[in-house]
């Protein structure tokens, strides 16, 4: 799997364990350079970005449970 895919999986896993996380926390925990991965995942409706926080959508949660 690519580094991009691995980081996306990590985002989903982290958010499945917590209701929401601050975007800055995710950036630090995953050593992301910026928010482009999170924005991409938001556009794909995997996560929701609101008020500086990220949370898992129902669609994103469905992907986690399918694995």
Protein backbone atom coordinates (compact mmCIF):
# COMPACT_ATOMS: atom_id res chain seq x y z
CA UNK A 1 0.00 0.00 0.00
CA UNK A 2 1.20 3.52 -0.69
CA UNK A 3 2.16 5.96 2.06
CA UNK A 4 -0.95 7.97 1.15
CA UNK A 5 -3.17 4.90 1.65
CA UNK A 6 -1.47 3.98 4.91
CA UNK A 7 -1.96 7.48 6.31
CA UNK A 8 -5.61 7.50 5.21
CA UNK A 9 -6.13 4.17 6.98
CA UNK A 10 -4.51 5.59 10.11
CA UNK A 11 -6.85 8.61 10.03
CA UNK A 12 -9.88 6.30 9.83
CA UNK A 13 -8.57 4.07 12.62
CA UNK A 14 -7.81 6.98 14.94
CA UNK A 15 -11.22 8.55 14.35
CA UNK A 16 -12.99 5.22 14.87
CA UNK A 17 -11.54 5.13 18.40
CA UNK A 18 -12.49 8.71 19.31
CA UNK A 19 -15.56 10.74 18.48
CA UNK A 20 -13.44 13.54 17.04
CA UNK A 21 -9.91 14.86 17.04
CA UNK A 22 -8.49 18.30 16.46
CA UNK A 23 -7.07 18.64 12.96
CA UNK A 24 -3.77 19.81 14.46
CA UNK A 25 -3.60 16.64 16.58
CA UNK A 26 -4.04 14.45 13.50
CA UNK A 27 -1.38 16.39 11.62
CA UNK A 28 1.07 15.91 14.50
CA UNK A 29 0.24 12.26 15.23
CA UNK A 30 0.54 11.21 11.58
CA UNK A 31 3.39 13.57 10.65
CA UNK A 32 1.33 15.13 7.86
CA UNK A 33 2.85 18.05 5.98
CA UNK A 34 -0.50 19.84 5.64
CA UNK A 35 -4.24 19.23 5.53
CA UNK A 36 -4.43 18.03 1.91
CA UNK A 37 -5.04 14.37 2.86
CA UNK A 38 -7.74 15.39 5.34
CA UNK A 39 -9.36 17.69 2.77
CA UNK A 40 -9.33 14.84 0.22
CA UNK A 41 -10.94 12.48 2.72
CA UNK A 42 -13.52 15.15 3.53
CA UNK A 43 -14.38 15.61 -0.15
CA UNK A 44 -14.77 11.82 -0.43
CA UNK A 45 -17.17 11.97 2.54
CA UNK A 46 -15.01 9.67 4.66
CA UNK A 47 -14.52 12.29 7.37
CA UNK A 48 -16.13 15.54 8.34
CA UNK A 49 -14.06 18.65 8.97
CA UNK A 50 -15.79 21.25 11.09
CA UNK A 51 -14.58 23.94 13.50
CA UNK A 52 -10.98 22.68 13.43
CA UNK A 53 -12.00 19.11 14.28
CA UNK A 54 -12.23 15.91 12.25
CA UNK A 55 -14.79 13.18 12.79
CA UNK A 56 -15.75 9.98 11.02
CA UNK A 57 -18.81 10.00 8.75
CA UNK A 58 -21.21 7.06 8.57
CA UNK A 59 -19.65 6.17 5.21
CA UNK A 60 -16.15 6.24 6.70
CA UNK A 61 -17.29 4.12 9.64
CA UNK A 62 -18.74 1.61 7.18
CA UNK A 63 -15.36 1.27 5.50
CA UNK A 64 -13.67 0.60 8.83
CA UNK A 65 -16.21 -2.06 9.78
CA UNK A 66 -15.93 -3.72 6.35
CA UNK A 67 -12.21 -4.32 6.84
